[in-house]
Amino acid sequence: MAKRAPKVSRPDFELGGIKVAPGSRGTAEIKVAPTFSNDDLSIEVQIVNGAKAGPTLFVCAAIHGDEINGVEIIRRVLRLVDPKKMSGTLLAIPIVNVYGFNNLSRYLPDGRDLNRSFPGSSSGSLTGRLADTFLKEVVQRCSHGIDLHTGGRHRSNFPQIRADLSDPEIQGMSEAFGAPIVIDSAVRDGSCRECATDLGVPVVLYESCEALRFDEVYIRAGVKGVINVMRHIGILRRSRAKAPKDPIISKSTQWLRAPVSGLHRVLVPLGAQVDKGQVLGVVSDPLGDAETEVIAPLSGIVIGRSNLPTVYEGDALFHIAKVSARTEFEYEDFHEGLLPSDYSHDATKPMDAPIAG
């Protein structure tokens, strides 16, 4: 009678001084520099360690401290995943830039942008030290990553993935995520995505919503996307559900700026397909004596938009992703597909009631 192969047990996942056994979860606190009032701060990492061996995925948000839509996405993902049914490990970091988050600021107290400061240095500035810590403690421990971002203040982004599609693994993650648009973009110098790529860790960046705001539809799109990627790389079992539609791919984008100063009236929504020469908005003086049309310089899809009616000449108003031809995508269908009336417990229908728009 043939002998059974001995069962190989998975080791505990160790991070921040704690051990998380297979099939369980725990929270590690990675210490960062205290504030000048001597208050201790930590980056909290929820470790969801699967029962079986598999990839290690980090999902992070608030690298820019005021970009909080991703914080809610991660909270919902953590409520959906069961470590006993997982292969591999999920490291969820809802708030990377704890300094900026606590101060409702994009930046750190030294005025630097964390996502332009990687790989950082253990002996550098506050921002450089935080970048160094996150890279060594989290990114280097992972095989894949998802970085969640939003637009800036008073500026909204339509759900999109930004990724270097020359890497087949990144292309696969980008398509699996299920965002309607993928921007094929090179990595930015000093970004987390650049340093992860240099370490051989494929990372996709999800952009949606506006700084300091929640958007229910874009949160749902993000939750669904993270779960899709977890299925794609093998942390979760593949679903029998219909695969997401192929995203629209854009290889270039362009900002359209205000032709004059005044009050801007927006005429097209985020996600709208626009044609070259189309009027996207009107800038007028407060009395309405003079009006200047804002004309699209190219055909494409509106992936970003300023929400401030008051504009100076040269202010960025619309971000347009260039596409080769008009597509079948309709933003109304995208919105309706993510707002079901039933809030049962799955990736597209979180248990929580939706956040009102």
Protein backbone atom coordinates (compact mmCIF):
# COMPACT_ATOMS: atom_id res chain seq x y z
CA MET A 1 0.00 0.00 0.00
CA ALA A 2 1.47 3.34 -1.06
CA LYS A 3 2.26 5.76 1.69
CA ARG A 4 0.61 9.17 1.68
CA ALA A 5 2.91 12.13 1.26
CA PRO A 6 3.39 13.95 4.56
CA LYS A 7 1.23 17.03 4.96
CA VAL A 8 3.32 20.19 4.81
CA SER A 9 2.06 22.91 7.11
CA ARG A 10 2.39 26.56 6.20
CA PRO A 11 4.49 28.76 8.44
CA ASP A 12 3.04 31.69 10.34
CA PHE A 13 3.26 35.06 8.62
CA GLU A 14 5.45 37.38 10.69
CA LEU A 15 5.27 41.17 10.49
CA GLY A 16 5.71 43.99 12.98
CA GLY A 17 6.53 41.63 15.80
CA ILE A 18 3.41 39.47 15.50
CA LYS A 19 2.79 36.03 13.99
CA VAL A 20 -0.41 35.17 12.13
CA ALA A 21 -1.16 31.47 11.75
CA PRO A 22 -2.48 30.04 8.47
CA GLY A 23 -6.25 30.38 8.17
CA SER A 24 -6.41 33.38 10.50
CA ARG A 25 -5.90 37.13 10.62
CA GLY A 26 -4.19 39.68 12.80
CA THR A 27 -3.13 43.33 12.86
CA ALA A 28 0.50 44.46 12.91
CA GLU A 29 1.61 47.95 13.87
CA ILE A 30 4.68 49.22 12.07
CA LYS A 31 6.18 52.05 14.09
CA VAL A 32 7.05 55.30 12.34
CA ALA A 33 8.61 58.48 13.68
CA PRO A 34 6.60 60.08 16.51
CA THR A 35 5.20 63.59 16.09
CA PHE A 36 7.03 66.53 17.64
CA SER A 37 4.58 66.35 20.56
CA ASN A 38 5.93 62.82 21.15
CA ASP A 39 2.73 61.04 20.10
CA ASP A 40 3.57 57.60 18.75
CA LEU A 41 2.28 56.75 15.28
CA SER A 42 2.08 53.42 13.46
CA ILE A 43 1.07 52.10 10.07
CA GLU A 44 -1.57 49.44 10.73
CA VAL A 45 -1.44 46.37 8.52
CA GLN A 46 -4.21 43.79 8.58
CA ILE A 47 -2.68 40.39 7.77
CA VAL A 48 -5.11 37.87 6.32
CA ASN A 49 -3.10 34.66 6.10
CA GLY A 50 -4.70 31.99 3.95
CA ALA A 51 -4.93 28.36 4.93
CA LYS A 52 -3.00 27.29 1.82
CA ALA A 53 0.19 28.50 0.18
CA GLY A 54 -0.08 31.15 -2.53
CA PRO A 55 0.86 34.69 -3.54
CA THR A 56 1.21 37.62 -1.16
CA LEU A 57 -0.75 40.72 -2.22
CA PHE A 58 -0.57 44.17 -0.66
CA VAL A 59 -3.48 46.56 -1.09
CA CYS A 60 -2.76 50.07 0.16
CA ALA A 61 -4.52 53.43 0.27
CA ALA A 62 -3.86 56.99 1.46
CA ILE A 63 -0.27 57.20 0.30
CA HIS A 64 -1.59 60.71 -0.26
CA GLY A 65 -3.16 61.41 3.11
CA ASP A 66 -6.31 63.11 1.83
CA GLU A 67 -7.18 60.38 -0.71
CA ILE A 68 -9.59 58.41 1.45
CA ASN A 69 -11.89 56.58 -0.99
CA GLY A 70 -9.47 53.65 -0.91
CA VAL A 71 -9.70 53.42 2.88
CA GLU A 72 -13.37 52.44 2.56
CA ILE A 73 -12.59 50.04 -0.29
CA ILE A 74 -10.11 48.17 1.91
CA ARG A 75 -12.51 48.11 4.87
CA ARG A 76 -15.14 46.38 2.71
CA VAL A 77 -12.65 43.94 1.17
CA LEU A 78 -11.57 42.86 4.65
CA ARG A 79 -15.19 42.07 5.53
CA LEU A 80 -15.53 39.86 2.47
CA VAL A 81 -12.44 37.66 2.62
CA ASP A 82 -12.19 34.50 4.72
CA PRO A 83 -8.61 33.34 5.46
CA LYS A 84 -9.78 29.73 5.73
CA LYS A 85 -10.79 29.88 2.05
CA MET A 86 -7.68 31.69 0.83
CA SER A 87 -4.42 30.54 -0.77
CA GLY A 88 -1.67 33.01 0.10
CA THR A 89 -1.73 36.21 2.09
CA LEU A 90 -3.38 39.61 1.88
CA LEU A 91 -1.66 42.60 3.49
CA ALA A 92 -4.21 45.42 3.76
CA ILE A 93 -2.88 48.88 4.58
CA PRO A 94 -5.75 51.40 4.56
CA ILE A 95 -3.62 54.37 5.69
CA VAL A 96 0.02 54.56 4.61
CA ASN A 97 0.55 58.29 5.14
CA VAL A 98 -0.78 58.49 8.70
CA TYR A 99 0.64 62.00 9.13
CA GLY A 100 -1.22 63.43 6.14
CA PHE A 101 -4.38 61.46 6.94
CA ASN A 102 -4.56 62.89 10.46
CA ASN A 103 -4.12 66.40 9.08
CA LEU A 104 -6.42 66.02 6.03
CA SER A 105 -3.38 66.73 3.88
CA ARG A 106 -1.90 65.16 0.77
CA TYR A 107 1.60 65.71 2.10
CA LEU A 108 3.66 64.95 5.17
CA PRO A 109 4.59 67.59 7.76
CA ASP A 110 7.91 68.24 5.98
CA GLY A 111 5.93 69.30 2.89
CA ARG A 112 7.00 66.38 0.71
CA ASP A 113 4.92 64.06 -1.47
CA LEU A 114 5.35 60.46 -0.30
CA ASN A 115 4.60 59.08 -3.77
CA ARG A 116 7.54 61.02 -5.20
CA SER A 117 9.94 60.00 -2.40
CA PHE A 118 10.46 56.26 -2.86
CA PRO A 119 12.70 54.35 -2.19
CA GLY A 120 13.42 56.77 0.63
CA SER A 121 16.14 56.39 3.23
CA SER A 122 16.34 55.21 6.82
CA SER A 123 18.44 58.29 7.61
CA GLY A 124 16.60 60.82 5.43
CA SER A 125 13.73 63.25 5.95
CA LEU A 126 10.46 62.22 7.59
CA THR A 127 8.94 61.43 4.19
CA GLY A 128 12.02 59.50 3.08
CA ARG A 129 11.98 57.44 6.28
CA LEU A 130 8.29 56.58 5.84
CA ALA A 131 8.91 55.52 2.22
CA ASP A 132 11.86 53.37 3.29
CA THR A 133 9.84 51.72 6.08
CA PHE A 134 6.85 50.92 3.86
CA LEU A 135 9.04 49.55 1.10
CA LYS A 136 11.06 47.27 3.39
CA GLU A 137 8.29 46.15 5.74
CA VAL A 138 5.49 45.66 3.20
CA VAL A 139 6.32 45.87 -0.50
CA GLN A 140 9.41 43.65 -0.37
CA ARG A 141 7.37 40.95 1.37
CA CYS A 142 4.84 40.72 -1.48
CA SER A 143 4.51 39.15 -4.91
CA HIS A 144 1.81 41.58 -6.19
CA GLY A 145 0.31 44.94 -5.24
CA ILE A 146 -2.68 47.26 -5.73
CA ASP A 147 -2.29 50.96 -4.92
CA LEU A 148 -5.55 52.90 -4.42
CA HIS A 149 -5.68 56.64 -5.22
CA THR A 150 -8.16 59.46 -5.97
CA GLY A 151 -8.08 62.79 -7.71
CA GLY A 152 -6.85 65.87 -5.86
CA ARG A 153 -8.93 68.39 -3.95
CA HIS A 154 -11.88 69.69 -5.97
CA ARG A 155 -10.90 67.28 -8.75
CA SER A 156 -12.64 63.95 -9.50
CA ASN A 157 -11.30 60.96 -11.40
CA PHE A 158 -13.43 58.44 -13.25
CA PRO A 159 -12.59 54.81 -12.27
CA GLN A 160 -9.45 53.82 -14.13
CA ILE A 161 -6.38 51.63 -13.84
CA ARG A 162 -2.95 53.08 -14.50
CA ALA A 163 -0.37 50.46 -15.36
CA ASP A 164 2.60 49.62 -17.55
CA LEU A 165 1.03 47.16 -19.96
CA SER A 166 4.39 46.08 -21.39
CA ASP A 167 4.58 43.67 -18.42
CA PRO A 168 2.31 40.65 -19.12
CA GLU A 169 1.61 40.06 -15.42
CA ILE A 170 0.55 43.68 -14.91
CA GLN A 171 -1.57 43.55 -18.06
CA GLY A 172 -3.36 40.49 -16.73
CA MET A 173 -4.05 42.16 -13.38
CA SER A 174 -5.26 45.32 -15.14
CA GLU A 175 -7.74 43.43 -17.30
CA ALA A 176 -8.92 41.29 -14.39
CA PHE A 177 -9.63 44.32 -12.19
CA GLY A 178 -12.58 45.27 -14.37
CA ALA A 179 -12.26 49.06 -14.39
CA PRO A 180 -13.79 50.51 -17.56
CA ILE A 181 -10.59 52.26 -18.64
CA VAL A 182 -6.89 51.36 -18.43
CA ILE A 183 -4.29 54.06 -18.99
CA ASP A 184 -1.10 52.48 -20.33
CA SER A 185 1.35 54.67 -18.46
CA ALA A 186 4.99 54.46 -17.54
CA VAL A 187 5.86 54.58 -13.85
CA ARG A 188 6.53 57.96 -12.23
CA ASP A 189 9.94 58.67 -10.75
CA GLY A 190 9.93 58.24 -6.99
CA SER A 191 6.58 56.46 -6.88
CA CYS A 192 5.74 53.33 -4.93
CA ARG A 193 4.79 51.70 -8.22
CA GLU A 194 8.23 52.42 -9.71
CA CYS A 195 10.12 50.94 -6.76
CA ALA A 196 7.84 47.91 -6.60
CA THR A 197 8.45 47.30 -10.31
CA ASP A 198 12.22 47.53 -9.74
CA LEU A 199 11.84 44.88 -7.03
CA GLY A 200 9.93 42.61 -9.40
CA VAL A 201 6.57 43.21 -7.71
CA PRO A 202 3.84 43.92 -10.31
CA VAL A 203 1.55 46.74 -9.13
CA VAL A 204 -1.57 48.31 -10.63
CA LEU A 205 -2.89 51.70 -9.53
CA TYR A 206 -6.63 52.33 -9.22
CA GLU A 207 -7.80 55.95 -9.51
CA SER A 208 -11.31 57.10 -8.65
CA CYS A 209 -13.29 59.81 -6.86
CA GLU A 210 -12.01 63.04 -5.27
CA ALA A 211 -9.79 63.78 -2.28
CA LEU A 212 -11.60 63.84 1.10
CA ARG A 213 -14.73 62.28 -0.41
CA PHE A 214 -16.49 58.90 -0.58
CA ASP A 215 -18.30 57.84 -3.74
CA GLU A 216 -20.49 54.73 -3.43
CA VAL A 217 -20.27 53.66 -7.08
CA TYR A 218 -16.50 54.08 -7.24
CA ILE A 219 -16.06 52.30 -3.91
CA ARG A 220 -18.07 49.35 -5.22
CA ALA A 221 -16.00 49.32 -8.41
CA GLY A 222 -12.82 49.25 -6.31
CA VAL A 223 -14.03 46.43 -4.05
CA LYS A 224 -15.07 44.37 -7.04
CA GLY A 225 -11.73 45.06 -8.72
CA VAL A 226 -9.60 44.01 -5.74
CA ILE A 227 -11.58 40.77 -5.38
CA ASN A 228 -11.22 40.15 -9.13
CA VAL A 229 -7.44 40.52 -8.92
CA MET A 230 -7.30 38.21 -5.89
CA ARG A 231 -9.12 35.60 -7.98
CA HIS A 232 -6.88 36.23 -10.98
CA ILE A 233 -3.59 35.67 -9.11
CA GLY A 234 -4.92 32.66 -7.20
CA ILE A 235 -5.51 33.95 -3.66
CA LEU A 236 -9.24 33.33 -4.06
CA ARG A 237 -10.96 30.65 -6.11
CA ARG A 238 -12.00 31.61 -9.61
CA SER A 239 -15.60 32.68 -9.90
CA ARG A 240 -18.16 31.22 -12.29
CA ALA A 241 -19.49 34.70 -12.84
CA LYS A 242 -19.09 36.27 -16.24
CA ALA A 243 -15.63 37.72 -16.74
CA PRO A 244 -15.42 41.52 -16.81
CA LYS A 245 -15.57 43.22 -20.18
CA ASP A 246 -12.28 44.09 -21.80
CA PRO A 247 -11.34 47.60 -20.68
CA ILE A 248 -10.87 50.52 -23.01
CA ILE A 249 -7.11 51.05 -23.43
CA SER A 250 -5.68 54.54 -23.76
CA LYS A 251 -2.02 55.21 -24.39
CA SER A 252 -2.11 58.98 -23.89
CA THR A 253 -4.07 61.61 -22.00
CA GLN A 254 -4.32 65.39 -22.16
CA TRP A 255 -5.53 68.09 -19.78
CA LEU A 256 -7.78 70.79 -21.19
CA ARG A 257 -7.18 74.13 -19.47
CA ALA A 258 -9.34 77.19 -18.92
CA PRO A 259 -9.09 79.61 -21.86
CA VAL A 260 -10.00 82.59 -19.64
CA SER A 261 -10.68 83.36 -15.96
CA GLY A 262 -14.25 83.34 -14.66
CA LEU A 263 -17.04 80.97 -13.62
CA HIS A 264 -17.03 77.54 -15.23
CA ARG A 265 -20.25 75.69 -16.11
CA VAL A 266 -19.57 71.99 -16.82
CA LEU A 267 -21.63 70.43 -19.62
CA VAL A 268 -20.38 66.81 -19.65
CA PRO A 269 -20.10 64.22 -16.85
CA LEU A 270 -17.14 62.06 -15.88
CA GLY A 271 -16.90 59.06 -18.17
CA ALA A 272 -18.50 60.83 -21.11
CA GLN A 273 -17.22 60.15 -24.60
CA VAL A 274 -16.44 63.41 -26.33
CA ASP A 275 -15.49 64.38 -29.86
CA LYS A 276 -12.83 66.79 -31.01
CA GLY A 277 -14.39 70.24 -31.26
CA GLN A 278 -17.21 69.45 -28.80
CA VAL A 279 -18.15 72.10 -26.23
CA LEU A 280 -17.41 70.66 -22.77
CA GLY A 281 -18.08 73.74 -20.69
CA VAL A 282 -18.50 77.50 -20.69
CA VAL A 283 -16.50 80.10 -18.74
CA SER A 284 -18.26 83.41 -18.16
CA ASP A 285 -17.76 86.54 -16.10
CA PRO A 286 -20.06 86.90 -13.04
CA LEU A 287 -22.49 89.17 -14.92
CA GLY A 288 -22.62 86.89 -17.95
CA ASP A 289 -21.61 89.64 -20.36
CA ALA A 290 -18.82 87.52 -21.84
CA GLU A 291 -18.86 83.75 -22.35
CA THR A 292 -16.06 81.56 -23.68
CA GLU A 293 -16.60 77.97 -24.73
CA VAL A 294 -14.27 75.22 -23.56
CA ILE A 295 -13.57 73.12 -26.65
CA ALA A 296 -12.28 69.54 -26.67
CA PRO A 297 -8.91 69.43 -28.46
CA LEU A 298 -9.22 65.68 -29.14
CA SER A 299 -11.70 62.82 -29.10
CA GLY A 300 -11.72 60.56 -26.07
CA ILE A 301 -13.22 59.87 -22.65
CA VAL A 302 -13.36 62.32 -19.75
CA ILE A 303 -11.38 60.60 -16.98
CA GLY A 304 -10.86 63.63 -14.75
CA ARG A 305 -12.63 66.91 -14.08
CA SER A 306 -12.34 69.97 -11.89
CA ASN A 307 -15.30 70.52 -9.57
CA LEU A 308 -14.57 74.17 -8.78
CA PRO A 309 -16.76 76.66 -10.66
CA THR A 310 -14.23 79.48 -10.08
CA VAL A 311 -11.27 79.21 -12.45
CA TYR A 312 -8.24 81.18 -13.48
CA GLU A 313 -6.95 81.16 -17.04
CA GLY A 314 -4.77 78.07 -17.42
CA ASP A 315 -6.42 76.02 -14.66
CA ALA A 316 -6.87 72.33 -15.51
CA LEU A 317 -10.57 71.65 -16.25
CA PHE A 318 -10.91 68.30 -18.03
CA HIS A 319 -8.59 65.30 -18.30
CA ILE A 320 -9.25 63.39 -21.51
CA ALA A 321 -8.01 59.89 -22.34
CA LYS A 322 -7.38 59.55 -26.04
CA VAL A 323 -9.01 56.52 -27.67
CA SER A 324 -8.56 55.33 -31.23
CA ALA A 325 -12.27 55.09 -32.02
CA ARG A 326 -15.65 55.66 -30.43
CA THR A 327 -16.52 52.72 -28.16
CA GLU A 328 -19.69 51.03 -26.94
CA PHE A 329 -19.02 52.05 -23.34
CA GLU A 330 -21.79 54.05 -21.66
CA TYR A 331 -21.14 55.54 -18.24
CA GLU A 332 -24.84 55.27 -17.27
CA ASP A 333 -24.65 51.46 -17.63
CA PHE A 334 -21.48 51.39 -15.55
CA HIS A 335 -23.16 53.30 -12.70
CA GLU A 336 -26.36 51.25 -12.78
CA GLY A 337 -24.42 47.99 -12.73
CA LEU A 338 -22.80 48.90 -9.43
CA LEU A 339 -25.91 50.01 -7.58
CA PRO A 340 -28.02 46.87 -7.11
CA SER A 341 -31.06 46.96 -4.84
CA ASP A 342 -29.93 43.84 -2.98
CA TYR A 343 -27.05 44.31 -0.50
CA SER A 344 -26.21 40.66 0.10
CA HIS A 345 -22.76 39.50 1.12
CA ASP A 346 -20.59 39.24 -1.97
CA ALA A 347 -17.92 41.32 -3.65
CA THR A 348 -20.27 43.48 -5.67
CA LYS A 349 -22.96 43.84 -3.00
CA PRO A 350 -21.39 44.65 0.38
CA MET A 351 -23.50 44.17 3.49
CA ASP A 352 -23.37 47.87 4.29
CA ALA A 353 -26.12 50.10 3.00
CA PRO A 354 -24.79 52.38 0.25
CA ILE A 355 -23.34 55.78 1.05
CA ALA A 356 -25.70 58.45 -0.23
CA GLY A 357 -24.43 60.53 -3.12
